[in-house]
Amino acid sequence: MITVQVFGTSCAACVTLEANVRAAVAELGAGFEVQKMSQLLEMIEHGVTQIPAIAINGEVRAAGRALDVPEIKALLVGAKAGAR
């Protein structure tokens, strides 16, 4: 199971990133767990300095902008291939 963490508040970019992550996961199928991380302490613990941010299996992969669905899918496919 690959864990995808979406860090952000309720800002427009954060909401967009979460929606795009959920859409990408839905398109790719099973094997992913999405977690919304909105508490400041959670962000600090993971080294997030800009929001929105996305982490895959605990590693921050992008921050400061809302990735689009194809960008997220590429990250997830890469993570899934690396997990084999």
C-alpha atoms as a PDB file:
ATOM      1  CA  MET A   1       0.000   0.000   0.000  1.00  0.00           C
ATOM      2  CA  ILE A   2       1.389   3.389  -0.983  1.00  0.00           C
ATOM      3  CA  THR A   3       0.545   6.245   1.365  1.00  0.00           C
ATOM      4  CA  VAL A   4      -0.108   9.636  -0.214  1.00  0.00           C
ATOM      5  CA  GLN A   5      -0.197  12.566   2.185  1.00  0.00           C
ATOM      6  CA  VAL A   6      -1.674  15.888   1.126  1.00  0.00           C
ATOM      7  CA  PHE A   7      -0.500  18.772   3.303  1.00  0.00           C
ATOM      8  CA  GLY A   8      -2.526  21.955   3.364  1.00  0.00           C
ATOM      9  CA  THR A   9      -5.252  24.045   4.848  1.00  0.00           C
ATOM     10  CA  SER A  10      -8.481  25.101   3.187  1.00  0.00           C
ATOM     11  CA  CYS A  11      -6.838  27.484   0.701  1.00  0.00           C
ATOM     12  CA  ALA A  12      -7.854  27.123  -2.942  1.00  0.00           C
ATOM     13  CA  ALA A  13      -4.559  25.531  -4.015  1.00  0.00           C
ATOM     14  CA  CYS A  14      -4.698  23.049  -1.121  1.00  0.00           C
ATOM     15  CA  VAL A  15      -8.260  22.029  -1.962  1.00  0.00           C
ATOM     16  CA  THR A  16      -7.298  21.669  -5.636  1.00  0.00           C
ATOM     17  CA  LEU A  17      -4.287  19.477  -4.821  1.00  0.00           C
ATOM     18  CA  GLU A  18      -6.368  17.176  -2.634  1.00  0.00           C
ATOM     19  CA  ALA A  19      -9.032  16.838  -5.339  1.00  0.00           C
ATOM     20  CA  ASN A  20      -6.375  16.130  -7.974  1.00  0.00           C
ATOM     21  CA  VAL A  21      -4.698  13.511  -5.767  1.00  0.00           C
ATOM     22  CA  ARG A  22      -8.013  11.762  -5.191  1.00  0.00           C
ATOM     23  CA  ALA A  23      -8.783  11.864  -8.939  1.00  0.00           C
ATOM     24  CA  ALA A  24      -5.348  10.428  -9.798  1.00  0.00           C
ATOM     25  CA  VAL A  25      -5.721   7.653  -7.225  1.00  0.00           C
ATOM     26  CA  ALA A  26      -9.205   6.828  -8.542  1.00  0.00           C
ATOM     27  CA  GLU A  27      -7.841   6.573 -12.090  1.00  0.00           C
ATOM     28  CA  LEU A  28      -4.936   4.336 -11.036  1.00  0.00           C
ATOM     29  CA  GLY A  29      -7.035   1.990  -8.923  1.00  0.00           C
ATOM     30  CA  ALA A  30      -6.249   0.124  -5.712  1.00  0.00           C
ATOM     31  CA  GLY A  31      -3.021   0.216  -3.773  1.00  0.00           C
ATOM     32  CA  PHE A  32      -3.078   3.790  -2.495  1.00  0.00           C
ATOM     33  CA  GLU A  33      -4.153   5.377   0.773  1.00  0.00           C
ATOM     34  CA  VAL A  34      -4.758   9.150   0.791  1.00  0.00           C
ATOM     35  CA  GLN A  35      -4.324  11.109   4.022  1.00  0.00           C
ATOM     36  CA  LYS A  36      -5.168  14.793   4.463  1.00  0.00           C
ATOM     37  CA  MET A  37      -2.663  16.510   6.773  1.00  0.00           C
ATOM     38  CA  SER A  38      -3.902  19.928   7.878  1.00  0.00           C
ATOM     39  CA  GLN A  39      -2.340  20.434  11.301  1.00  0.00           C
ATOM     40  CA  LEU A  40       0.706  22.706  11.552  1.00  0.00           C
ATOM     41  CA  LEU A  41       2.540  20.210  13.773  1.00  0.00           C
ATOM     42  CA  GLU A  42       2.072  17.458  11.152  1.00  0.00           C
ATOM     43  CA  MET A  43       3.570  19.728   8.514  1.00  0.00           C
ATOM     44  CA  ILE A  44       6.545  20.633  10.704  1.00  0.00           C
ATOM     45  CA  GLU A  45       7.176  16.969  11.576  1.00  0.00           C
ATOM     46  CA  HIS A  46       7.355  16.107   7.867  1.00  0.00           C
ATOM     47  CA  GLY A  47       9.549  19.074   6.931  1.00  0.00           C
ATOM     48  CA  VAL A  48       6.875  20.812   4.874  1.00  0.00           C
ATOM     49  CA  THR A  49       7.779  24.476   4.472  1.00  0.00           C
ATOM     50  CA  GLN A  50       5.304  25.430   1.728  1.00  0.00           C
ATOM     51  CA  ILE A  51       1.726  24.393   1.140  1.00  0.00           C
ATOM     52  CA  PRO A  52       0.136  22.740  -0.616  1.00  0.00           C
ATOM     53  CA  ALA A  53       2.499  19.780  -0.543  1.00  0.00           C
ATOM     54  CA  ILE A  54       2.358  16.112  -1.394  1.00  0.00           C
ATOM     55  CA  ALA A  55       4.354  13.293   0.180  1.00  0.00           C
ATOM     56  CA  ILE A  56       4.525   9.719  -1.015  1.00  0.00           C
ATOM     57  CA  ASN A  57       5.412   7.132   1.609  1.00  0.00           C
ATOM     58  CA  GLY A  58       6.590   9.936   3.894  1.00  0.00           C
ATOM     59  CA  GLU A  59       8.855  11.661   1.348  1.00  0.00           C
ATOM     60  CA  VAL A  60       7.801  15.168   0.284  1.00  0.00           C
ATOM     61  CA  ARG A  61       7.762  15.132  -3.505  1.00  0.00           C
ATOM     62  CA  ALA A  62       6.337  18.577  -4.330  1.00  0.00           C
ATOM     63  CA  ALA A  63       5.441  21.741  -2.437  1.00  0.00           C
ATOM     64  CA  GLY A  64       4.205  25.235  -3.096  1.00  0.00           C
ATOM     65  CA  ARG A  65       1.751  24.503  -5.908  1.00  0.00           C
ATOM     66  CA  ALA A  66      -1.149  22.274  -6.817  1.00  0.00           C
ATOM     67  CA  LEU A  67       0.084  19.570  -9.170  1.00  0.00           C
ATOM     68  CA  ASP A  68      -2.297  18.511 -11.907  1.00  0.00           C
ATOM     69  CA  VAL A  69      -3.647  14.980 -12.247  1.00  0.00           C
ATOM     70  CA  PRO A  70      -1.099  13.782 -14.873  1.00  0.00           C
ATOM     71  CA  GLU A  71       1.814  15.037 -12.732  1.00  0.00           C
ATOM     72  CA  ILE A  72       0.441  13.231  -9.686  1.00  0.00           C
ATOM     73  CA  LYS A  73      -0.169  10.050 -11.647  1.00  0.00           C
ATOM     74  CA  ALA A  74       3.456  10.090 -12.850  1.00  0.00           C
ATOM     75  CA  LEU A  75       4.677  10.372  -9.250  1.00  0.00           C
ATOM     76  CA  LEU A  76       2.384   7.576  -8.109  1.00  0.00           C
ATOM     77  CA  VAL A  77       3.280   5.238 -10.963  1.00  0.00           C
ATOM     78  CA  GLY A  78       6.956   5.823 -10.192  1.00  0.00           C
ATOM     79  CA  ALA A  79       6.391   5.100  -6.509  1.00  0.00           C
ATOM     80  CA  LYS A  80       4.457   1.944  -7.319  1.00  0.00           C
ATOM     81  CA  ALA A  81       7.206   0.726  -9.672  1.00  0.00           C
ATOM     82  CA  GLY A  82       9.849   1.438  -7.022  1.00  0.00           C
ATOM     83  CA  ALA A  83       7.888  -0.490  -4.397  1.00  0.00           C
ATOM     84  CA  ARG A  84       8.108  -3.744  -6.351  1.00  0.00           C
END
